[in-house]
C-alpha cells in the first residue's frame, strides 16, 4: 500500500461525489474493493463558456435593436409634435392617467391599469393573457353564433336585446341591394351623409364597400355592419317622394328593412364587446341616423355606451402618445371630440384641416394643413366650437354636425351653422346655470335676464329660431335637412314665446311671432316626444303668445288670425 497523498481525489470518489482521503489506494476504494485510480497532475479542463457567451451576445444584440427602435420612435414623435404645438406644461397623460394601446389583428384595447403599465412593454405584448383577451374579442365577434330554429337563423347573446328582439339573425344576404341599388345608395351617402358625419375615411370606406363583392355577404362581420349602416343612413336622408320614385317602395318600409339588417349585423359583430374600430363607426352612424318618434331616449342612452366603448379603444388619447401612425392618429381625432367628453378626460388633438385624399393607411408622416375649405372644415369648426363652449361653460351641449367641400353652398351652410351655434351659445351662456325649461320662463329667470339687456337676448333667440328654420326648409339644404331636423331649438322657442306673451307688441315681436309660429308648428309635428313636458309647456306658451297677437292657438292651427304671419327674412 502506497501511503503517498495525491492533490486530487480519485476518479471513483469524484464520480460518487464522496470524500476521498487521497491515499494510494484510498480508504473508500479499499472498502469497496475497487480499483483506485488517480488522475494526472495536470489541472482539470475548464468548462466551455461558449453557450453562455453566445447567449450574452444574443441578448446584447436584442437590447441594441430595442434601443435603436426606441430612438427612431422618439425621433418620429419629436417630428410629429410640430404638427400640434403643445403648451410647455402639458403632460402626455390625462389627469395623471397612464395607459397603453395594444393592437392585434384589427382589434385594439386600451389598458390603463398601473401594474400592467409599469411592466416592460415587450413583456406585456408577449404575455399570453393580453393576447388571449384580444383573440377572444376577435373570435367572439367572428364566430360566436348559436344555431336556432330555422336552420340559418343565428343568435348572438348579449347584444340583440337592445334592439327589442332576440337577435335571431336571418340570412343577411337576403337584405343586400342589387348592384344598381348599391350604387344609388352609395352616391346618396357621399352626397348627403358623409359631408355631415366625418366618421369614416371615405377612400378607405369606398374601397371596402365598392369591391368585387359589393352586393354579397362579406366574411368580415365589421364590414357587414358598416355596409348596412351606410344603406340605412342613405335611405334616411332621402326625401319620401324621391325614395318612392327611385326604389318603388315607401321610405318608411325601406328604413325598417335596412334598420333591421343593421341591427342584426351589429349584434352579429358583438358590438358592445368588440374592440374593432370599424364596428364602433358603424354603431355611431346607425345612432346618428335614428329619427323615429321613440328613438330619442334610446339614442341618448346608447351614446353613453358608445363613449365607454371609445375609451376602451383609446380614442380619448392622442395617437402621437400611443405610437400610432399618422392615419390612425387622424382617424381617432375625427371621432374623439364630443359634447359628452369632459375637459381633462382626453388629450386628443383636433383633426388637421385636410382632404380625405391627403392621407392614407400607408402615410408615414402627417400632411401639411390646408388653408382653404376641405372635407373636414365643417367638422373642424364644430369641434372648435365645442372646445370653446366647454371652456366657457363645461355643461353646454352643441347640436351641430360637421362637413365641408370646396363650394359656395357648403360655405354658406357652414357660415349659417356657425352663426346659429354662436347665437345659441351666447343665449344659453347668459341664462342662469342649471335651469330647466320651466325655470327659464319663471319670474326669477325673467328678472335675471332683464339685467342682461333683455332685448338683445330676445333678438338673439329670434336669430336662433330663424337660422334653425332656414337650415331645415331652404331648398338648397334639402339634402341635409334630415340632420338639422333632429335638433329643435326649444330653449330659444320657449324664451321667444314667453317674451311675446308678456312683452309689448312691437315690430320685433311681430318678427318673433312669424318665426315662432312656423318652427313650433313644424317641430311639434316632428318632435320625438310629442306628449312630453316640453311639448305641453310650448303649447301653453303658444296659447299666451297667440292671445297677445290677437288670435287663438288650437294645438296646430291659428284661428281668428287677423293676418298670416309674415315671411322670415333670410
Protein backbone atom coordinates (compact mmCIF):
# COMPACT_ATOMS: atom_id res chain seq x y z
CA UNK A 1 0.00 0.00 0.00
CA UNK A 2 1.37 3.36 -1.08
CA UNK A 3 0.76 5.96 1.59
CA UNK A 4 1.65 8.89 -0.66
CA UNK A 5 -1.01 11.56 -0.78
CA UNK A 6 -2.35 12.98 -4.02
CA UNK A 7 -3.51 16.52 -4.54
CA UNK A 8 -6.74 15.44 -6.24
CA UNK A 9 -9.47 12.91 -5.40
CA UNK A 10 -9.52 9.56 -7.15
CA UNK A 11 -11.82 9.10 -10.10
CA UNK A 12 -14.26 6.80 -8.24
CA UNK A 13 -14.71 9.27 -5.35
CA UNK A 14 -15.15 12.10 -7.84
CA UNK A 15 -17.85 10.17 -9.70
CA UNK A 16 -19.58 9.13 -6.46
CA UNK A 17 -19.11 12.65 -5.05
CA UNK A 18 -17.79 11.29 -1.74
CA UNK A 19 -14.86 12.41 0.40
CA UNK A 20 -11.51 10.93 -0.65
CA UNK A 21 -8.54 10.67 1.78
CA UNK A 22 -6.26 10.88 -1.31
CA UNK A 23 -4.17 7.90 -0.15
CA UNK A 24 -3.00 5.30 -2.73
CA UNK A 25 -5.34 3.42 -2.62
CA UNK A 26 -7.91 5.46 -0.73
CA UNK A 27 -10.00 4.07 2.12
CA UNK A 28 -13.22 4.21 0.11
CA UNK A 29 -11.82 2.12 -2.73
CA UNK A 30 -10.31 -0.36 -0.27
CA UNK A 31 -13.67 -0.73 1.47
CA UNK A 32 -15.48 -1.35 -1.80
CA UNK A 33 -12.69 -3.50 -3.21
CA UNK A 34 -12.48 -1.23 -6.23
CA UNK A 35 -9.50 -0.18 -8.26
CA UNK A 36 -8.27 3.22 -7.09
CA UNK A 37 -7.08 5.36 -9.96
CA UNK A 38 -5.95 8.95 -9.58
CA UNK A 39 -5.92 11.49 -12.42
CA UNK A 40 -2.71 13.03 -13.67
CA UNK A 41 -1.07 16.05 -12.10
CA UNK A 42 -2.42 18.45 -14.77
CA UNK A 43 -5.34 20.79 -13.97
CA UNK A 44 -8.82 19.65 -14.87
CA UNK A 45 -10.06 21.24 -18.13
CA UNK A 46 -12.30 24.29 -17.69
CA UNK A 47 -15.91 24.02 -18.73
CA UNK A 48 -16.67 25.60 -22.06
CA UNK A 49 -18.18 29.06 -21.69
CA UNK A 50 -19.26 29.31 -25.32
CA UNK A 51 -23.02 28.73 -24.74
CA UNK A 52 -23.13 31.47 -22.07
CA UNK A 53 -21.15 33.81 -24.30
CA UNK A 54 -23.46 33.18 -27.23
CA UNK A 55 -26.48 33.85 -25.03
CA UNK A 56 -24.96 37.08 -23.76
CA UNK A 57 -24.15 38.25 -27.28
CA UNK A 58 -27.69 37.45 -28.37
CA UNK A 59 -29.15 39.46 -25.50
CA UNK A 60 -26.85 42.39 -26.24
CA UNK A 61 -27.93 42.40 -29.87
CA UNK A 62 -31.57 42.32 -28.80
CA UNK A 63 -31.03 45.27 -26.47
CA UNK A 64 -29.20 47.21 -29.18
CA UNK A 65 -32.10 46.62 -31.57
CA UNK A 66 -34.61 47.72 -28.92
CA UNK A 67 -32.64 50.91 -28.23
CA UNK A 68 -32.50 51.64 -31.96
CA UNK A 69 -36.27 51.18 -32.29
CA UNK A 70 -36.92 53.45 -29.32
CA UNK A 71 -34.60 56.09 -30.78
CA UNK A 72 -36.45 56.00 -34.11
CA UNK A 73 -39.81 56.30 -32.34
CA UNK A 74 -38.53 59.24 -30.29
CA UNK A 75 -37.39 61.00 -33.47
CA UNK A 76 -40.80 60.34 -35.05
CA UNK A 77 -42.66 61.71 -32.03
CA UNK A 78 -40.43 64.79 -31.93
CA UNK A 79 -41.08 65.37 -35.62
CA UNK A 80 -44.82 64.84 -35.28
CA UNK A 81 -45.09 67.08 -32.23
CA UNK A 82 -44.55 70.05 -34.51
CA UNK A 83 -47.92 69.43 -36.19
CA UNK A 84 -49.76 70.31 -32.94
CA UNK A 85 -47.82 72.79 -30.79
CA UNK A 86 -48.11 71.74 -27.16
CA UNK A 87 -48.01 74.03 -24.11
CA UNK A 88 -44.84 73.59 -22.11
CA UNK A 89 -46.69 72.43 -19.04
CA UNK A 90 -48.90 69.89 -20.81
CA UNK A 91 -48.30 66.28 -19.89
CA UNK A 92 -48.87 63.31 -22.15
CA UNK A 93 -51.13 61.81 -19.51
CA UNK A 94 -54.75 62.70 -18.92
CA UNK A 95 -55.32 63.72 -15.30
CA UNK A 96 -52.41 61.52 -14.30
CA UNK A 97 -53.66 58.59 -16.38
CA UNK A 98 -51.05 56.25 -17.77
CA UNK A 99 -52.06 53.79 -20.44
CA UNK A 100 -51.00 51.71 -23.41
CA UNK A 101 -52.83 50.70 -26.56
CA UNK A 102 -52.48 47.08 -27.70
CA UNK A 103 -53.31 46.26 -31.31
CA UNK A 104 -53.71 42.77 -32.69
CA UNK A 105 -55.29 41.60 -35.98
CA UNK A 106 -57.53 44.61 -36.46
CA UNK A 107 -58.63 44.83 -32.82
CA UNK A 108 -57.33 47.24 -30.22
CA UNK A 109 -57.63 47.56 -26.46
CA UNK A 110 -56.59 50.45 -24.24
CA UNK A 111 -55.21 49.39 -20.83
CA UNK A 112 -54.54 51.88 -18.05
CA UNK A 113 -54.05 49.54 -15.09
CA UNK A 114 -50.95 50.82 -13.26
CA UNK A 115 -49.47 47.37 -12.63
CA UNK A 116 -49.71 46.41 -16.29
CA UNK A 117 -48.42 49.77 -17.48
CA UNK A 118 -45.36 49.54 -15.22
CA UNK A 119 -44.28 46.24 -16.80
CA UNK A 120 -41.97 46.17 -19.77
CA UNK A 121 -43.88 46.87 -22.99
CA UNK A 122 -42.41 43.89 -24.74
CA UNK A 123 -43.26 41.60 -21.85
CA UNK A 124 -46.87 42.75 -21.86
CA UNK A 125 -47.24 42.27 -25.59
CA UNK A 126 -45.75 38.78 -25.35
CA UNK A 127 -47.89 37.76 -22.39
CA UNK A 128 -50.48 35.14 -23.14
CA UNK A 129 -53.08 36.95 -21.06
CA UNK A 130 -53.20 40.06 -23.24
CA UNK A 131 -53.14 38.04 -26.44
CA UNK A 132 -55.93 35.87 -25.13
CA UNK A 133 -58.05 38.94 -24.40
CA UNK A 134 -57.58 40.33 -27.90
CA UNK A 135 -58.06 36.97 -29.64
CA UNK A 136 -61.14 36.24 -27.56
CA UNK A 137 -62.71 39.56 -28.55
CA UNK A 138 -61.93 38.86 -32.21
CA UNK A 139 -63.22 35.30 -32.08
CA UNK A 140 -66.42 36.35 -30.34
CA UNK A 141 -67.15 38.97 -32.98
CA UNK A 142 -66.49 36.49 -35.82
CA UNK A 143 -67.59 33.06 -34.67
CA UNK A 144 -69.91 33.31 -31.67
CA UNK A 145 -73.13 32.04 -33.17
CA UNK A 146 -75.80 29.82 -31.70
CA UNK A 147 -77.97 27.96 -34.20
CA UNK A 148 -81.65 28.43 -33.60
CA UNK A 149 -84.87 27.12 -35.01
CA UNK A 150 -84.91 27.81 -38.69
CA UNK A 151 -81.55 26.46 -39.81
CA UNK A 152 -79.74 29.56 -40.95
CA UNK A 153 -81.17 31.75 -38.20
CA UNK A 154 -78.44 32.51 -35.70
CA UNK A 155 -78.25 34.32 -32.40
CA UNK A 156 -75.53 36.27 -30.61
CA UNK A 157 -76.41 36.53 -26.89
CA UNK A 158 -75.94 39.80 -25.03
CA UNK A 159 -76.47 42.30 -27.84
CA UNK A 160 -79.79 41.68 -29.55
CA UNK A 161 -81.95 42.61 -26.56
CA UNK A 162 -81.04 46.27 -27.10
CA UNK A 163 -82.90 46.20 -30.39
CA UNK A 164 -86.12 44.80 -28.88
CA UNK A 165 -85.74 41.37 -30.42
CA UNK A 166 -83.85 38.21 -29.53
CA UNK A 167 -81.19 38.82 -32.18
CA UNK A 168 -82.36 35.99 -34.41
CA UNK A 169 -80.09 36.92 -37.29
CA UNK A 170 -81.68 35.82 -40.53
CA UNK A 171 -79.50 35.15 -43.54
CA UNK A 172 -78.48 38.76 -44.18
CA UNK A 173 -77.61 38.21 -47.82
CA UNK A 174 -81.37 38.47 -48.46
CA UNK A 175 -81.19 42.11 -47.34
CA UNK A 176 -78.45 43.18 -49.74
CA UNK A 177 -79.46 45.51 -52.58
CA UNK A 178 -78.63 44.70 -56.17
CA UNK A 179 -75.68 46.36 -57.86
CA UNK A 180 -77.74 49.25 -59.26
CA UNK A 181 -79.38 49.98 -55.91
CA UNK A 182 -75.99 49.72 -54.19
CA UNK A 183 -74.56 52.40 -56.50
CA UNK A 184 -77.53 54.68 -55.83
CA UNK A 185 -77.26 54.24 -52.07
CA UNK A 186 -73.52 54.86 -52.12
CA UNK A 187 -73.98 58.05 -54.13
CA UNK A 188 -76.62 59.18 -51.63
CA UNK A 189 -74.24 58.50 -48.76
CA UNK A 190 -71.47 60.52 -50.39
CA UNK A 191 -73.84 63.37 -51.17
CA UNK A 192 -75.97 63.64 -48.04
CA UNK A 193 -74.33 61.73 -45.17
CA UNK A 194 -70.55 61.79 -45.44
CA UNK A 195 -70.25 65.60 -45.59
CA UNK A 196 -72.11 65.98 -42.27
CA UNK A 197 -70.73 62.98 -40.38
CA UNK A 198 -66.95 62.76 -40.51
CA UNK A 199 -66.98 59.22 -39.14
CA UNK A 200 -65.19 57.41 -41.96
CA UNK A 201 -62.18 57.95 -44.18
CA UNK A 202 -64.10 57.98 -47.46
CA UNK A 203 -61.41 56.47 -49.74
CA UNK A 204 -61.00 53.52 -47.36
CA UNK A 205 -64.76 53.12 -46.99
CA UNK A 206 -65.26 53.23 -50.76
CA UNK A 207 -62.63 50.54 -51.21
CA UNK A 208 -64.39 48.35 -48.67
CA UNK A 209 -67.94 48.81 -49.94
CA UNK A 210 -67.39 49.04 -53.69
CA UNK A 211 -65.20 46.00 -54.14
CA UNK A 212 -65.93 42.92 -56.19
CA UNK A 213 -68.29 41.55 -53.51
CA UNK A 214 -70.21 44.78 -53.01
CA UNK A 215 -73.61 43.08 -53.01
CA UNK A 216 -72.75 39.82 -51.27
CA UNK A 217 -72.29 38.94 -47.64
CA UNK A 218 -68.64 39.53 -46.58
CA UNK A 219 -66.67 37.26 -44.30
CA UNK A 220 -65.82 40.21 -42.06
CA UNK A 221 -68.65 40.98 -39.63
CA UNK A 222 -67.37 44.53 -39.13
CA UNK A 223 -67.59 45.32 -42.85
CA UNK A 224 -71.08 43.88 -42.96
CA UNK A 225 -72.21 46.15 -40.12
CA UNK A 226 -70.73 49.21 -41.83
CA UNK A 227 -72.34 48.29 -45.14
CA UNK A 228 -75.86 48.09 -43.73
CA UNK A 229 -75.34 51.21 -41.61
CA UNK A 230 -74.42 53.08 -44.81
CA UNK A 231 -77.53 51.78 -46.58
CA UNK A 232 -79.73 52.74 -43.62
CA UNK A 233 -78.21 56.22 -43.46
CA UNK A 234 -78.67 56.77 -47.20
CA UNK A 235 -82.36 55.84 -47.06
CA UNK A 236 -82.88 58.06 -44.00
CA UNK A 237 -81.51 61.07 -45.88
CA UNK A 238 -83.86 60.61 -48.85
CA UNK A 239 -86.99 62.59 -49.49
CA UNK A 240 -90.06 60.28 -49.32
CA UNK A 241 -91.16 61.18 -52.84
CA UNK A 242 -87.72 60.59 -54.29
CA UNK A 243 -87.43 57.28 -52.46
CA UNK A 244 -90.75 56.13 -53.92
CA UNK A 245 -89.67 57.18 -57.40
CA UNK A 246 -86.22 55.56 -57.28
CA UNK A 247 -86.91 52.34 -55.37
CA UNK A 248 -90.67 51.98 -55.92
CA UNK A 249 -91.10 51.48 -52.18
CA UNK A 250 -92.14 53.74 -49.33
CA UNK A 251 -89.25 55.28 -47.43
CA UNK A 252 -90.62 54.04 -44.11
CA UNK A 253 -90.65 50.47 -45.40
CA UNK A 254 -87.07 50.69 -46.66
CA UNK A 255 -85.95 52.30 -43.41
CA UNK A 256 -87.37 49.39 -41.44
CA UNK A 257 -85.77 46.97 -43.91
CA UNK A 258 -82.25 48.35 -43.55
CA UNK A 259 -82.61 49.24 -39.89
CA UNK A 260 -83.39 45.62 -39.07
CA UNK A 261 -80.44 44.46 -41.17
CA UNK A 262 -78.14 46.98 -39.48
CA UNK A 263 -79.22 45.90 -36.01
CA UNK A 264 -78.71 42.26 -36.91
CA UNK A 265 -75.27 42.98 -38.35
CA UNK A 266 -74.24 44.93 -35.24
CA UNK A 267 -75.47 42.13 -32.98
CA UNK A 268 -73.58 39.55 -35.07
CA UNK A 269 -70.46 41.73 -34.75
CA UNK A 270 -70.93 41.70 -30.95
CA UNK A 271 -70.71 45.48 -30.95
CA UNK A 272 -70.91 46.00 -27.18
CA UNK A 273 -67.82 43.87 -26.51
CA UNK A 274 -65.97 44.39 -29.78
CA UNK A 275 -62.55 46.05 -29.82
CA UNK A 276 -62.86 46.79 -33.53
CA UNK A 277 -62.94 50.47 -34.50
CA UNK A 278 -64.94 49.71 -37.65
CA UNK A 279 -67.77 48.22 -35.57
CA UNK A 280 -67.80 51.35 -33.40
CA UNK A 281 -68.00 53.52 -36.53
CA UNK A 282 -70.99 51.52 -37.79
CA UNK A 283 -72.70 51.89 -34.40
CA UNK A 284 -72.21 55.66 -34.38
CA UNK A 285 -73.56 56.03 -37.92
CA UNK A 286 -76.59 53.91 -37.01
CA UNK A 287 -77.36 56.02 -33.92
CA UNK A 288 -76.81 59.26 -35.82
CA UNK A 289 -79.48 58.35 -38.36
CA UNK A 290 -82.20 57.20 -35.96
CA UNK A 291 -85.11 59.62 -36.41
CA UNK A 292 -88.14 57.71 -35.11
CA UNK A 293 -90.59 59.07 -32.54
CA UNK A 294 -89.40 56.64 -29.86
CA UNK A 295 -85.69 56.71 -30.65
CA UNK A 296 -84.59 59.78 -28.69
CA UNK A 297 -84.28 58.02 -25.32
CA UNK A 298 -82.59 55.01 -26.93
CA UNK A 299 -80.01 57.19 -28.69
CA UNK A 300 -79.40 59.17 -25.51
CA UNK A 301 -78.70 56.01 -23.51
CA UNK A 302 -76.61 54.39 -26.22
CA UNK A 303 -74.44 57.49 -26.52
CA UNK A 304 -73.05 56.75 -23.06
CA UNK A 305 -72.28 53.18 -24.10
CA UNK A 306 -70.53 54.40 -27.24
CA UNK A 307 -68.50 56.79 -25.09
CA UNK A 308 -67.30 53.90 -22.94
CA UNK A 309 -66.50 51.73 -25.97
CA UNK A 310 -64.48 54.58 -27.47
CA UNK A 311 -62.50 54.92 -24.25
CA UNK A 312 -61.80 51.19 -24.38
CA UNK A 313 -60.31 51.72 -27.83
CA UNK A 314 -58.15 54.57 -26.57
CA UNK A 315 -59.81 57.31 -28.63
CA UNK A 316 -59.53 59.72 -25.70
CA UNK A 317 -55.73 59.61 -26.01
CA UNK A 318 -53.85 61.37 -28.79
CA UNK A 319 -52.29 58.90 -31.20
CA UNK A 320 -48.85 60.52 -31.02
CA UNK A 321 -48.64 59.48 -27.36
CA UNK A 322 -49.65 55.90 -28.19
CA UNK A 323 -47.23 55.41 -31.08
CA UNK A 324 -49.92 55.27 -33.78
CA UNK A 325 -49.14 56.08 -37.39
CA UNK A 326 -50.43 59.34 -38.95
CA UNK A 327 -53.52 57.72 -40.48
CA UNK A 328 -54.60 56.04 -37.24
CA UNK A 329 -53.93 59.23 -35.29
CA UNK A 330 -56.05 61.41 -37.59
CA UNK A 331 -58.80 58.76 -37.73
CA UNK A 332 -59.01 58.82 -33.94
CA UNK A 333 -59.13 62.61 -33.87
CA UNK A 334 -62.04 62.68 -36.31
CA UNK A 335 -64.13 60.85 -33.70
CA UNK A 336 -62.80 61.79 -30.29
CA UNK A 337 -64.44 65.20 -29.84
CA UNK A 338 -67.94 65.05 -28.40
CA UNK A 339 -70.08 67.10 -26.05
CA UNK A 340 -70.28 64.27 -23.51
CA UNK A 341 -66.50 64.20 -23.15
CA UNK A 342 -65.44 66.35 -20.20
CA UNK A 343 -62.42 68.62 -20.02
CA UNK A 344 -59.42 66.84 -18.54
CA UNK A 345 -60.53 63.35 -19.61
CA UNK A 346 -58.84 63.42 -23.02
CA UNK A 347 -55.75 64.73 -24.78
CA UNK A 348 -56.87 64.02 -28.33
CA UNK A 349 -55.90 66.85 -30.65
CA UNK A 350 -58.26 68.43 -33.16
CA UNK A 351 -58.08 66.89 -36.66
CA UNK A 352 -55.97 68.51 -39.33
CA UNK A 353 -57.73 70.67 -41.92
CA UNK A 354 -57.10 68.30 -44.83
CA UNK A 355 -58.94 66.35 -47.51
CA UNK A 356 -59.52 62.63 -47.07
CA UNK A 357 -57.33 62.06 -50.11
CA UNK A 358 -54.37 63.75 -48.38
CA UNK A 359 -53.83 60.84 -46.00
CA UNK A 360 -53.94 57.06 -46.23
CA UNK A 361 -53.02 53.99 -44.23
CA UNK A 362 -49.62 53.98 -45.92
CA UNK A 363 -48.80 57.56 -44.87
CA UNK A 364 -45.53 57.77 -42.94
CA UNK A 365 -45.82 61.43 -41.96
CA UNK A 366 -48.58 63.93 -41.35
CA UNK A 367 -49.69 66.00 -44.35
CA UNK A 368 -49.49 69.77 -44.27
CA UNK A 369 -52.68 71.53 -43.25
CA UNK A 370 -54.56 73.38 -45.95
CA UNK A 371 -55.60 77.00 -45.64
CA UNK A 372 -58.77 76.52 -47.66
CA UNK A 373 -62.09 74.72 -47.43
CA UNK A 374 -61.59 70.94 -47.09
CA UNK A 375 -63.56 67.78 -46.38
CA UNK A 376 -63.08 68.28 -42.65
CA UNK A 377 -63.56 72.06 -42.37
CA UNK A 378 -67.18 71.85 -41.24
CA UNK A 379 -66.38 69.12 -38.72
CA UNK A 380 -63.34 71.04 -37.50
CA UNK A 381 -65.43 74.17 -36.91
CA UNK A 382 -67.89 72.13 -34.89
CA UNK A 383 -65.04 70.68 -32.81
CA UNK A 384 -63.54 74.10 -32.19
CA UNK A 385 -66.95 75.44 -31.16
CA UNK A 386 -67.38 72.50 -28.78
CA UNK A 387 -64.00 73.10 -27.16
CA UNK A 388 -64.68 76.83 -26.86
CA UNK A 389 -68.09 76.28 -25.28
CA UNK A 390 -66.57 73.80 -22.81
CA UNK A 391 -64.07 76.41 -21.75
CA UNK A 392 -66.86 78.92 -21.15
CA UNK A 393 -69.34 76.52 -19.60
CA UNK A 394 -68.47 72.81 -19.44
CA UNK A 395 -72.11 71.69 -19.33
CA UNK A 396 -73.18 73.23 -22.62
CA UNK A 397 -74.06 70.88 -25.42
CA UNK A 398 -73.65 71.63 -29.11
CA UNK A 399 -76.08 70.33 -31.68
CA UNK A 400 -74.34 70.87 -34.96
CA UNK A 401 -72.91 68.38 -37.37
CA UNK A 402 -69.81 68.72 -39.48
CA UNK A 403 -68.72 68.76 -43.11
CA UNK A 404 -67.08 70.71 -45.85
CA UNK A 405 -66.31 70.67 -49.56
CA UNK A 406 -64.99 73.47 -51.71
CA UNK A 407 -68.26 75.01 -52.96
CA UNK A 408 -70.23 78.17 -52.28
CA UNK A 409 -73.24 76.20 -51.00
CA UNK A 410 -71.13 74.37 -48.45
CA UNK A 411 -69.57 77.61 -47.31
CA UNK A 412 -72.99 79.20 -46.92
CA UNK A 413 -74.25 76.24 -44.86
CA UNK A 414 -71.11 76.33 -42.75
CA UNK A 415 -71.45 80.05 -42.12
CA UNK A 416 -75.13 79.64 -41.22
CA UNK A 417 -74.43 76.85 -38.74
CA UNK A 418 -71.63 78.91 -37.19
CA UNK A 419 -73.99 81.84 -36.72
CA UNK A 420 -76.62 79.52 -35.24
CA UNK A 421 -74.11 77.91 -32.86
CA UNK A 422 -72.71 81.25 -31.73
CA UNK A 423 -76.16 82.75 -31.16
CA UNK A 424 -77.36 79.68 -29.28
CA UNK A 425 -74.22 79.53 -27.14
CA UNK A 426 -74.43 83.23 -26.27
CA UNK A 427 -78.11 82.88 -25.35
CA UNK A 428 -77.63 79.85 -23.09
CA UNK A 429 -74.47 81.29 -21.54
CA UNK A 430 -76.48 84.27 -20.28
CA UNK A 431 -79.23 82.17 -18.72
CA UNK A 432 -78.86 81.05 -15.10
CA UNK A 433 -76.84 77.88 -14.61
CA UNK A 434 -78.70 74.62 -14.27
CA UNK A 435 -82.12 75.91 -15.32
CA UNK A 436 -84.74 73.56 -16.66
CA UNK A 437 -87.08 74.61 -19.45
CA UNK A 438 -89.79 75.53 -16.95
CA UNK A 439 -87.39 77.55 -14.81
CA UNK A 440 -86.32 79.57 -17.83
CA UNK A 441 -89.78 81.17 -18.02
CA UNK A 442 -90.22 81.74 -14.31
CA UNK A 443 -90.31 85.22 -12.88
CA UNK A 444 -86.90 84.66 -11.28
CA UNK A 445 -85.36 83.77 -14.63
CA UNK A 446 -87.00 86.73 -16.31
CA UNK A 447 -85.71 89.12 -13.67
CA UNK A 448 -82.25 87.67 -14.19
CA UNK A 449 -82.21 88.13 -17.95
CA UNK A 450 -83.70 91.64 -17.75
CA UNK A 451 -80.48 92.72 -16.10
CA UNK A 452 -78.55 91.33 -19.07
CA UNK A 453 -80.03 93.51 -21.77
CA UNK A 454 -83.24 91.59 -22.34
CA UNK A 455 -83.85 92.99 -25.79
CA UNK A 456 -80.51 91.73 -27.02
CA UNK A 457 -81.28 88.28 -25.68
CA UNK A 458 -84.66 88.45 -27.38
CA UNK A 459 -83.06 89.28 -30.73
CA UNK A 460 -80.50 86.50 -30.28
CA UNK A 461 -83.22 83.95 -29.53
CA UNK A 462 -85.14 85.04 -32.63
CA UNK A 463 -81.99 84.60 -34.72
CA UNK A 464 -81.54 81.08 -33.37
CA UNK A 465 -85.05 80.16 -34.50
CA UNK A 466 -84.62 81.82 -37.88
CA UNK A 467 -81.33 80.09 -38.60
CA UNK A 468 -82.70 76.72 -37.49
CA UNK A 469 -85.83 77.10 -39.64
CA UNK A 470 -83.76 78.25 -42.60
CA UNK A 471 -81.47 75.21 -42.46
CA UNK A 472 -84.44 72.85 -42.25
CA UNK A 473 -86.57 74.32 -45.04
CA UNK A 474 -84.28 76.05 -47.53
CA UNK A 475 -84.29 74.14 -50.87
CA UNK A 476 -80.51 74.43 -51.00
CA UNK A 477 -80.12 72.39 -47.81
CA UNK A 478 -82.87 69.86 -48.53
CA UNK A 479 -80.39 67.00 -48.83
CA UNK A 480 -79.10 67.71 -45.31
CA UNK A 481 -82.37 68.63 -43.61
CA UNK A 482 -82.53 65.14 -42.10
CA UNK A 483 -79.81 66.08 -39.61
CA UNK A 484 -80.94 69.65 -38.90
CA UNK A 485 -84.48 68.47 -38.08
CA UNK A 486 -83.08 66.31 -35.30
CA UNK A 487 -82.12 69.31 -33.15
CA UNK A 488 -85.14 71.54 -32.41
CA UNK A 489 -84.06 74.66 -30.53
CA UNK A 490 -86.64 74.52 -27.73
CA UNK A 491 -84.64 76.78 -25.40
CA UNK A 492 -84.86 79.65 -27.85
CA UNK A 493 -88.50 78.89 -28.69
CA UNK A 494 -89.56 78.97 -25.04
CA UNK A 495 -87.76 82.25 -24.43
CA UNK A 496 -89.25 83.89 -27.54
CA UNK A 497 -92.81 82.75 -26.82
CA UNK A 498 -92.61 83.98 -23.24
CA UNK A 499 -91.41 87.39 -24.40
CA UNK A 500 -94.21 87.62 -26.97
CA UNK A 501 -96.79 86.76 -24.31
CA UNK A 502 -95.68 89.23 -21.66
CA UNK A 503 -93.89 91.98 -23.57
CA UNK A 504 -95.23 94.96 -25.53
CA UNK A 505 -96.29 94.34 -29.13
CA UNK A 506 -93.71 95.88 -31.45
CA UNK A 507 -92.19 95.18 -34.84
CA UNK A 508 -89.72 92.92 -33.06
CA UNK A 509 -92.50 90.82 -31.52
CA UNK A 510 -94.16 90.57 -34.95
CA UNK A 511 -90.90 89.21 -36.34
CA UNK A 512 -90.64 86.82 -33.39
CA UNK A 513 -94.23 85.61 -33.84
CA UNK A 514 -93.64 84.94 -37.55
CA UNK A 515 -90.79 82.54 -36.91
CA UNK A 516 -92.15 81.11 -33.63
CA UNK A 517 -95.43 80.08 -35.26
CA UNK A 518 -93.62 78.30 -38.08
CA UNK A 519 -90.98 76.50 -36.04
CA UNK A 520 -93.29 75.39 -33.25
CA UNK A 521 -95.80 74.01 -35.73
CA UNK A 522 -93.03 72.18 -37.55
CA UNK A 523 -91.20 70.89 -34.50
CA UNK A 524 -94.34 69.71 -32.74
CA UNK A 525 -95.10 67.53 -35.76
CA UNK A 526 -91.56 66.14 -35.92
CA UNK A 527 -90.57 66.03 -32.26
CA UNK A 528 -89.70 62.65 -30.81
CA UNK A 529 -91.75 63.11 -27.62
CA UNK A 530 -94.99 64.75 -28.65
CA UNK A 531 -96.60 64.26 -25.27
CA UNK A 532 -93.55 65.24 -23.23
CA UNK A 533 -93.22 68.06 -20.73
CA UNK A 534 -91.54 70.36 -23.25
CA UNK A 535 -94.36 69.91 -25.75
CA UNK A 536 -97.02 70.73 -23.14
CA UNK A 537 -95.07 73.77 -21.97
CA UNK A 538 -94.67 75.09 -25.51
CA UNK A 539 -98.39 74.60 -26.20
CA UNK A 540 -99.25 76.65 -23.13
CA UNK A 541 -96.87 79.43 -24.19
CA UNK A 542 -98.19 79.35 -27.75
CA UNK A 543 -101.69 79.97 -26.42
CA UNK A 544 -100.47 83.01 -24.46
CA UNK A 545 -98.48 84.35 -27.40
CA UNK A 546 -101.41 83.88 -29.77
CA UNK A 547 -103.68 85.86 -27.45
CA UNK A 548 -101.11 88.65 -27.36
CA UNK A 549 -101.14 88.64 -31.17
CA UNK A 550 -104.94 88.81 -31.32
CA UNK A 551 -105.64 85.22 -32.31
CA UNK A 552 -106.04 81.78 -30.74
CA UNK A 553 -103.91 78.65 -30.84
CA UNK A 554 -105.56 75.25 -31.25
CA UNK A 555 -102.61 72.89 -30.93
CA UNK A 556 -101.54 73.29 -34.54
CA UNK A 557 -103.73 75.90 -36.19
CA UNK A 558 -104.19 79.62 -35.76
CA UNK A 559 -107.82 80.73 -35.54
CA UNK A 560 -109.24 84.22 -35.87
CA UNK A 561 -105.87 85.39 -37.10
CA UNK A 562 -106.03 88.96 -38.41
CA UNK A 563 -103.27 88.29 -40.94
CA UNK A 564 -100.92 85.47 -41.80
CA UNK A 565 -97.52 85.56 -40.19
CA UNK A 566 -95.03 87.47 -42.29
CA UNK A 567 -92.26 85.60 -44.06
CA UNK A 568 -88.95 85.15 -42.35
CA UNK A 569 -86.22 87.40 -43.64
CA UNK A 570 -83.34 85.11 -44.58
